[in-house]
C-alpha atoms as a PDB file:
ATOM      1  CA  MET A   1      33.158 -35.925 -49.494  1.00  0.00           C
ATOM      2  CA  LYS A   2      32.477 -38.771 -51.909  1.00  0.00           C
ATOM      3  CA  ILE A   3      32.007 -42.492 -51.480  1.00  0.00           C
ATOM      4  CA  LEU A   4      32.491 -45.326 -53.964  1.00  0.00           C
ATOM      5  CA  PHE A   5      30.023 -48.222 -54.108  1.00  0.00           C
ATOM      6  CA  LYS A   6      30.588 -51.496 -55.933  1.00  0.00           C
ATOM      7  CA  SER A   7      27.675 -52.360 -58.199  1.00  0.00           C
ATOM      8  CA  SER A   8      26.803 -55.108 -60.663  1.00  0.00           C
ATOM      9  CA  ASN A   9      27.809 -52.742 -63.487  1.00  0.00           C
ATOM     10  CA  GLY A  10      31.153 -51.816 -61.903  1.00  0.00           C
ATOM     11  CA  ALA A  11      31.157 -48.928 -59.458  1.00  0.00           C
ATOM     12  CA  ARG A  12      29.226 -45.795 -58.577  1.00  0.00           C
ATOM     13  CA  LEU A  13      30.726 -42.642 -57.065  1.00  0.00           C
ATOM     14  CA  THR A  14      28.435 -40.265 -55.174  1.00  0.00           C
ATOM     15  CA  LEU A  15      28.514 -37.471 -52.640  1.00  0.00           C
ATOM     16  CA  ILE A  16      27.897 -38.749 -49.115  1.00  0.00           C
ATOM     17  CA  ASP A  17      25.404 -35.903 -48.566  1.00  0.00           C
ATOM     18  CA  ASN A  18      23.247 -37.264 -51.422  1.00  0.00           C
ATOM     19  CA  ILE A  19      22.617 -40.565 -49.628  1.00  0.00           C
ATOM     20  CA  VAL A  20      19.019 -40.653 -48.383  1.00  0.00           C
ATOM     21  CA  CYS A  21      18.862 -44.154 -46.921  1.00  0.00           C
ATOM     22  CA  LEU A  22      20.879 -47.367 -46.676  1.00  0.00           C
ATOM     23  CA  LYS A  23      19.085 -50.681 -46.116  1.00  0.00           C
ATOM     24  CA  ALA A  24      20.823 -54.009 -45.613  1.00  0.00           C
ATOM     25  CA  ASP A  25      19.856 -56.776 -48.016  1.00  0.00           C
ATOM     26  CA  THR A  26      21.823 -59.865 -46.877  1.00  0.00           C
ATOM     27  CA  ASN A  27      25.413 -59.171 -48.075  1.00  0.00           C
ATOM     28  CA  TYR A  28      24.324 -56.209 -50.203  1.00  0.00           C
ATOM     29  CA  THR A  29      22.892 -52.770 -49.482  1.00  0.00           C
ATOM     30  CA  LYS A  30      19.907 -51.052 -51.081  1.00  0.00           C
ATOM     31  CA  ILE A  31      20.807 -47.404 -51.497  1.00  0.00           C
ATOM     32  CA  SER A  32      18.478 -44.482 -52.093  1.00  0.00           C
ATOM     33  CA  LEU A  33      20.166 -41.334 -53.429  1.00  0.00           C
ATOM     34  CA  TYR A  34      19.093 -37.778 -54.096  1.00  0.00           C
ATOM     35  CA  ASN A  35      19.982 -36.776 -57.644  1.00  0.00           C
ATOM     36  CA  PRO A  36      19.742 -32.984 -58.123  1.00  0.00           C
ATOM     37  CA  TYR A  37      20.573 -33.295 -61.830  1.00  0.00           C
ATOM     38  CA  LYS A  38      17.373 -35.108 -62.790  1.00  0.00           C
ATOM     39  CA  ASP A  39      14.396 -33.083 -63.997  1.00  0.00           C
ATOM     40  CA  GLU A  40      11.504 -35.301 -62.923  1.00  0.00           C
ATOM     41  CA  GLU A  41      12.177 -37.933 -60.269  1.00  0.00           C
ATOM     42  CA  LYS A  42      14.956 -36.616 -58.034  1.00  0.00           C
ATOM     43  CA  PHE A  43      15.727 -39.941 -56.304  1.00  0.00           C
ATOM     44  CA  ASP A  44      17.613 -43.016 -57.527  1.00  0.00           C
ATOM     45  CA  ASN A  45      17.734 -46.476 -56.012  1.00  0.00           C
ATOM     46  CA  PHE A  46      20.347 -49.120 -56.654  1.00  0.00           C
ATOM     47  CA  LEU A  47      21.838 -52.230 -55.108  1.00  0.00           C
ATOM     48  CA  ALA A  48      25.447 -51.958 -53.933  1.00  0.00           C
ATOM     49  CA  LEU A  49      27.612 -55.025 -53.582  1.00  0.00           C
ATOM     50  CA  ASN A  50      28.984 -53.598 -50.304  1.00  0.00           C
ATOM     51  CA  ASN A  51      27.481 -54.791 -47.025  1.00  0.00           C
ATOM     52  CA  LEU A  52      25.945 -52.250 -44.641  1.00  0.00           C
ATOM     53  CA  ALA A  53      28.744 -52.567 -42.060  1.00  0.00           C
ATOM     54  CA  SER A  54      31.448 -51.574 -44.571  1.00  0.00           C
ATOM     55  CA  ILE A  55      29.453 -48.518 -45.677  1.00  0.00           C
ATOM     56  CA  GLU A  56      28.670 -47.577 -42.078  1.00  0.00           C
ATOM     57  CA  ALA A  57      32.398 -47.554 -41.276  1.00  0.00           C
ATOM     58  CA  LYS A  58      32.976 -45.044 -44.100  1.00  0.00           C
ATOM     59  CA  ILE A  59      30.180 -42.641 -43.085  1.00  0.00           C
ATOM     60  CA  LYS A  60      30.460 -43.029 -39.308  1.00  0.00           C
ATOM     61  CA  SER A  61      32.106 -39.610 -38.838  1.00  0.00           C
ATOM     62  CA  ASN A  62      29.213 -37.809 -40.577  1.00  0.00           C
ATOM     63  CA  PRO A  63      26.731 -36.562 -37.932  1.00  0.00           C
ATOM     64  CA  ASN A  64      23.836 -36.488 -40.432  1.00  0.00           C
ATOM     65  CA  PHE A  65      23.479 -40.273 -40.410  1.00  0.00           C
ATOM     66  CA  PHE A  66      21.440 -42.156 -37.842  1.00  0.00           C
ATOM     67  CA  LYS A  67      21.225 -45.933 -37.528  1.00  0.00           C
ATOM     68  CA  CYS A  68      17.519 -46.389 -36.851  1.00  0.00           C
ATOM     69  CA  HIS A  69      17.564 -50.172 -36.993  1.00  0.00           C
ATOM     70  CA  ARG A  70      20.242 -52.844 -37.220  1.00  0.00           C
ATOM     71  CA  SER A  71      19.589 -53.032 -40.949  1.00  0.00           C
ATOM     72  CA  CYS A  72      18.940 -49.374 -41.819  1.00  0.00           C
ATOM     73  CA  ILE A  73      20.769 -46.032 -41.725  1.00  0.00           C
ATOM     74  CA  ILE A  74      19.103 -42.747 -42.700  1.00  0.00           C
ATOM     75  CA  ASN A  75      20.396 -39.300 -43.585  1.00  0.00           C
ATOM     76  CA  VAL A  76      18.388 -36.964 -41.348  1.00  0.00           C
ATOM     77  CA  ASN A  77      18.706 -34.167 -43.913  1.00  0.00           C
ATOM     78  CA  TYR A  78      16.024 -36.077 -45.867  1.00  0.00           C
ATOM     79  CA  PHE A  79      13.829 -36.838 -42.845  1.00  0.00           C
ATOM     80  CA  VAL A  80      10.248 -35.537 -43.146  1.00  0.00           C
ATOM     81  CA  GLU A  81       8.086 -37.146 -40.477  1.00  0.00           C
ATOM     82  CA  PHE A  82       8.347 -39.381 -37.419  1.00  0.00           C
ATOM     83  CA  ASN A  83       5.381 -41.398 -36.153  1.00  0.00           C
ATOM     84  CA  SER A  84       6.182 -42.348 -32.554  1.00  0.00           C
ATOM     85  CA  THR A  85       3.251 -44.750 -32.192  1.00  0.00           C
ATOM     86  CA  LYS A  86       3.999 -46.761 -35.349  1.00  0.00           C
ATOM     87  CA  LEU A  87       7.761 -46.239 -34.957  1.00  0.00           C
ATOM     88  CA  THR A  88       8.141 -45.189 -38.581  1.00  0.00           C
ATOM     89  CA  ILE A  89      10.239 -42.501 -40.194  1.00  0.00           C
ATOM     90  CA  ILE A  90       9.121 -41.026 -43.506  1.00  0.00           C
ATOM     91  CA  MET A  91      11.871 -39.829 -45.797  1.00  0.00           C
ATOM     92  CA  MET A  92      11.692 -37.092 -48.444  1.00  0.00           C
ATOM     93  CA  ASN A  93      11.541 -39.692 -51.227  1.00  0.00           C
ATOM     94  CA  GLY A  94       8.407 -41.206 -49.640  1.00  0.00           C
ATOM     95  CA  MET A  95      10.234 -44.205 -48.205  1.00  0.00           C
ATOM     96  CA  SER A  96       8.943 -45.444 -44.865  1.00  0.00           C
ATOM     97  CA  VAL A  97      11.624 -46.754 -42.504  1.00  0.00           C
ATOM     98  CA  LYS A  98      11.055 -48.713 -39.288  1.00  0.00           C
ATOM     99  CA  LEU A  99      12.636 -47.398 -36.108  1.00  0.00           C
ATOM    100  CA  SER A 100      13.785 -49.965 -33.571  1.00  0.00           C
ATOM    101  CA  ARG A 101      11.975 -49.773 -30.206  1.00  0.00           C
ATOM    102  CA  LEU A 102      15.387 -49.609 -28.558  1.00  0.00           C
ATOM    103  CA  LYS A 103      16.349 -46.595 -30.680  1.00  0.00           C
ATOM    104  CA  LYS A 104      13.165 -44.568 -30.078  1.00  0.00           C
ATOM    105  CA  ILE A 105      14.507 -42.460 -27.179  1.00  0.00           C
ATOM    106  CA  GLU A 106      17.895 -42.040 -28.854  1.00  0.00           C
ATOM    107  CA  PHE A 107      16.194 -40.805 -32.041  1.00  0.00           C
ATOM    108  CA  LYS A 108      14.014 -38.309 -30.156  1.00  0.00           C
ATOM    109  CA  GLU A 109      17.079 -36.981 -28.309  1.00  0.00           C
ATOM    110  CA  TYR A 110      18.958 -36.783 -31.597  1.00  0.00           C
ATOM    111  CA  LEU A 111      16.142 -34.782 -33.197  1.00  0.00           C
ATOM    112  CA  LEU A 112      16.052 -32.383 -30.254  1.00  0.00           C
ATOM    113  CA  SER A 113      19.794 -31.884 -30.545  1.00  0.00           C
ATOM    114  CA  VAL A 114      19.634 -30.938 -34.231  1.00  0.00           C
ATOM    115  CA  VAL A 115      16.393 -28.940 -34.235  1.00  0.00           C
ATOM    116  CA  ASP A 116      16.324 -25.380 -32.946  1.00  0.00           C
ATOM    117  CA  ILE A 117      13.583 -25.653 -30.320  1.00  0.00           C
ATOM    118  CA  ASN A 118      13.861 -21.936 -29.506  1.00  0.00           C
ATOM    119  CA  TYR A 119      12.696 -20.936 -32.970  1.00  0.00           C
ATOM    120  CA  THR A 120       9.481 -18.923 -33.027  1.00  0.00           C
ATOM    121  CA  THR A 121       7.488 -17.739 -35.977  1.00  0.00           C
ATOM    122  CA  PRO A 122       7.933 -14.003 -36.454  1.00  0.00           C
ATOM    123  CA  SER A 123       4.885 -11.912 -35.654  1.00  0.00           C
ATOM    124  CA  GLU A 124       3.485  -9.299 -38.028  1.00  0.00           C
ATOM    125  CA  ASN A 125       5.182  -6.574 -35.962  1.00  0.00           C
ATOM    126  CA  ASP A 126       8.557  -8.281 -36.329  1.00  0.00           C
ATOM    127  CA  ILE A 127       8.060  -8.606 -40.081  1.00  0.00           C
ATOM    128  CA  SER A 128       7.005  -4.954 -40.439  1.00  0.00           C
ATOM    129  CA  LYS A 129      10.220  -3.898 -38.663  1.00  0.00           C
ATOM    130  CA  LEU A 130      12.199  -5.718 -41.314  1.00  0.00           C
ATOM    131  CA  ILE A 131      10.454  -4.001 -44.224  1.00  0.00           C
END
């Protein structure tokens, strides 16, 4: 599914799954995108003329997005690390995002719901059976 953002140059169309992070900036939104077509730097940033609430309404049905703060929404597909003492989330593009204290438990529960906690690393015996 795609989404259209208004920008100072006109408009920008992108796949919703390529959105890494959305950060409110008064009536605008700073958007970080994954761009698989670039050779070097795989992430783009731009300022959309849409406010965060209007974008949130369009992506609300997508379970990959988590509102970690009143001014920030992340795509958990690009989540790398969570520091529970500093309440920060590190994204794949290196961006550090603050997690609201009120959202800490909700985020941990969300992570547990999307991560397979029953996964175990295969032993050498298991691997030899596959060969």
